[in-house]
Amino acid sequence: MINYSKLLKRIDVNELSKLVSKSTIERIKVGTNMRLSTLEKICKHFKVGIDDIVEFK
């Protein structure tokens, strides 16, 4: 299972909403899968590594 709680703690949802769609934000909140390209986009924009925002359980 993928957990995005690190992302939500690190990056404000309002800032995130400028970069990704509302449906992607909902996916983040409930912990469902999203495209790797979307994760890459978030990482590049906020200058973080994937391990800074995603936890695999």
N, C-alpha and C. Protein backbone atom coordinates (compact mmCIF):
# COMPACT_ATOMS: atom_id res chain seq x y z
N MET A 1 0.84 -1.17 0.00
CA MET A 1 0.00 0.00 0.00
C MET A 1 0.89 1.25 0.00
N ILE A 2 0.42 2.27 -0.67
CA ILE A 2 1.15 3.53 -0.75
C ILE A 2 0.53 4.52 0.22
N ASN A 3 1.39 5.22 0.94
CA ASN A 3 0.94 6.20 1.92
C ASN A 3 1.56 7.54 1.55
N TYR A 4 0.71 8.55 1.39
CA TYR A 4 1.18 9.88 1.02
C TYR A 4 1.13 10.86 2.19
N SER A 5 1.08 10.37 3.42
CA SER A 5 0.98 11.27 4.57
C SER A 5 2.21 12.19 4.67
N LYS A 6 3.37 11.69 4.27
CA LYS A 6 4.58 12.52 4.28
C LYS A 6 4.43 13.71 3.33
N LEU A 7 3.79 13.46 2.21
CA LEU A 7 3.54 14.52 1.24
C LEU A 7 2.62 15.58 1.82
N LEU A 8 1.54 15.13 2.45
CA LEU A 8 0.57 16.07 3.01
C LEU A 8 1.15 16.86 4.18
N LYS A 9 2.09 16.27 4.90
CA LYS A 9 2.74 16.99 6.00
C LYS A 9 3.75 18.01 5.49
N ARG A 10 4.37 17.69 4.37
CA ARG A 10 5.46 18.51 3.85
C ARG A 10 4.98 19.64 2.94
N ILE A 11 3.93 19.38 2.16
CA ILE A 11 3.47 20.33 1.15
C ILE A 11 2.01 20.67 1.37
N ASP A 12 1.71 21.95 1.43
CA ASP A 12 0.36 22.44 1.63
C ASP A 12 -0.54 22.05 0.45
N VAL A 13 -1.75 21.62 0.75
CA VAL A 13 -2.69 21.19 -0.29
C VAL A 13 -2.99 22.33 -1.27
N ASN A 14 -3.03 23.55 -0.79
CA ASN A 14 -3.28 24.69 -1.69
C ASN A 14 -2.15 24.85 -2.70
N GLU A 15 -0.92 24.66 -2.27
CA GLU A 15 0.22 24.72 -3.18
C GLU A 15 0.17 23.56 -4.16
N LEU A 16 -0.18 22.41 -3.66
CA LEU A 16 -0.27 21.21 -4.50
C LEU A 16 -1.36 21.36 -5.55
N SER A 17 -2.46 22.01 -5.20
CA SER A 17 -3.58 22.17 -6.13
C SER A 17 -3.23 23.05 -7.33
N LYS A 18 -2.18 23.84 -7.21
CA LYS A 18 -1.71 24.65 -8.34
C LYS A 18 -0.98 23.80 -9.37
N LEU A 19 -0.56 22.61 -8.96
CA LEU A 19 0.27 21.75 -9.80
C LEU A 19 -0.48 20.54 -10.34
N VAL A 20 -1.39 19.99 -9.54
CA VAL A 20 -2.10 18.76 -9.93
C VAL A 20 -3.61 18.97 -9.83
N SER A 21 -4.35 18.06 -10.43
CA SER A 21 -5.81 18.16 -10.46
C SER A 21 -6.43 17.82 -9.10
N LYS A 22 -7.70 18.16 -8.97
CA LYS A 22 -8.45 17.85 -7.75
C LYS A 22 -8.54 16.34 -7.56
N SER A 23 -8.71 15.60 -8.64
CA SER A 23 -8.81 14.14 -8.53
C SER A 23 -7.49 13.54 -8.01
N THR A 24 -6.37 14.12 -8.41
CA THR A 24 -5.07 13.65 -7.91
C THR A 24 -4.94 13.94 -6.43
N ILE A 25 -5.40 15.08 -6.00
CA ILE A 25 -5.35 15.42 -4.57
C ILE A 25 -6.22 14.45 -3.78
N GLU A 26 -7.36 14.08 -4.32
CA GLU A 26 -8.22 13.09 -3.65
C GLU A 26 -7.51 11.74 -3.57
N ARG A 27 -6.81 11.36 -4.63
CA ARG A 27 -6.04 10.11 -4.61
C ARG A 27 -4.98 10.14 -3.52
N ILE A 28 -4.34 11.28 -3.37
CA ILE A 28 -3.32 11.45 -2.34
C ILE A 28 -3.94 11.30 -0.96
N LYS A 29 -5.09 11.92 -0.76
CA LYS A 29 -5.75 11.89 0.55
C LYS A 29 -6.18 10.48 0.95
N VAL A 30 -6.65 9.68 -0.02
CA VAL A 30 -7.12 8.34 0.31
C VAL A 30 -6.06 7.26 0.11
N GLY A 31 -4.94 7.64 -0.50
CA GLY A 31 -3.83 6.69 -0.64
C GLY A 31 -3.97 5.72 -1.79
N THR A 32 -4.64 6.13 -2.87
CA THR A 32 -4.73 5.25 -4.03
C THR A 32 -3.60 5.57 -5.01
N ASN A 33 -3.42 4.70 -5.96
CA ASN A 33 -2.32 4.84 -6.92
C ASN A 33 -2.48 6.07 -7.79
N MET A 34 -1.35 6.60 -8.22
CA MET A 34 -1.34 7.66 -9.20
C MET A 34 -0.18 7.41 -10.14
N ARG A 35 -0.16 8.11 -11.23
CA ARG A 35 0.89 7.92 -12.22
C ARG A 35 2.25 8.30 -11.66
N LEU A 36 3.24 7.56 -12.06
CA LEU A 36 4.61 7.87 -11.67
C LEU A 36 5.03 9.23 -12.23
N SER A 37 4.54 9.57 -13.39
CA SER A 37 4.86 10.87 -13.98
C SER A 37 4.34 12.02 -13.11
N THR A 38 3.21 11.81 -12.45
CA THR A 38 2.67 12.82 -11.55
C THR A 38 3.56 12.97 -10.32
N LEU A 39 3.99 11.85 -9.77
CA LEU A 39 4.92 11.90 -8.63
C LEU A 39 6.22 12.58 -9.02
N GLU A 40 6.70 12.29 -10.21
CA GLU A 40 7.93 12.92 -10.69
C GLU A 40 7.73 14.44 -10.81
N LYS A 41 6.61 14.84 -11.33
CA LYS A 41 6.28 16.26 -11.48
C LYS A 41 6.27 16.97 -10.12
N ILE A 42 5.67 16.33 -9.12
CA ILE A 42 5.61 16.88 -7.77
C ILE A 42 7.03 17.00 -7.19
N CYS A 43 7.80 15.93 -7.34
CA CYS A 43 9.18 15.92 -6.80
C CYS A 43 10.03 17.01 -7.43
N LYS A 44 9.95 17.15 -8.74
CA LYS A 44 10.75 18.17 -9.42
C LYS A 44 10.33 19.57 -9.02
N HIS A 45 9.03 19.80 -8.97
CA HIS A 45 8.53 21.14 -8.65
C HIS A 45 8.91 21.57 -7.24
N PHE A 46 8.76 20.66 -6.28
CA PHE A 46 9.03 21.00 -4.88
C PHE A 46 10.45 20.63 -4.44
N LYS A 47 11.25 20.12 -5.39
CA LYS A 47 12.66 19.77 -5.14
C LYS A 47 12.81 18.82 -3.95
N VAL A 48 12.06 17.71 -4.03
CA VAL A 48 12.13 16.66 -3.02
C VAL A 48 12.34 15.32 -3.71
N GLY A 49 12.77 14.33 -2.95
CA GLY A 49 12.89 12.98 -3.46
C GLY A 49 11.61 12.22 -3.20
N ILE A 50 11.40 11.16 -3.94
CA ILE A 50 10.18 10.38 -3.76
C ILE A 50 10.07 9.82 -2.35
N ASP A 51 11.20 9.48 -1.75
CA ASP A 51 11.17 8.95 -0.38
C ASP A 51 10.82 10.03 0.64
N ASP A 52 10.86 11.31 0.24
CA ASP A 52 10.46 12.40 1.12
C ASP A 52 8.94 12.56 1.17
N ILE A 53 8.24 12.03 0.16
CA ILE A 53 6.80 12.26 0.10
C ILE A 53 5.95 10.99 0.04
N VAL A 54 6.57 9.85 -0.22
CA VAL A 54 5.83 8.60 -0.36
C VAL A 54 6.42 7.54 0.56
N GLU A 55 5.52 6.77 1.16
CA GLU A 55 5.95 5.65 2.00
C GLU A 55 5.22 4.41 1.51
N PHE A 56 5.97 3.35 1.30
CA PHE A 56 5.39 2.09 0.86
C PHE A 56 5.24 1.15 2.04
N LYS A 57 4.05 0.64 2.22
CA LYS A 57 3.80 -0.26 3.35
C LYS A 57 3.39 -1.62 2.84
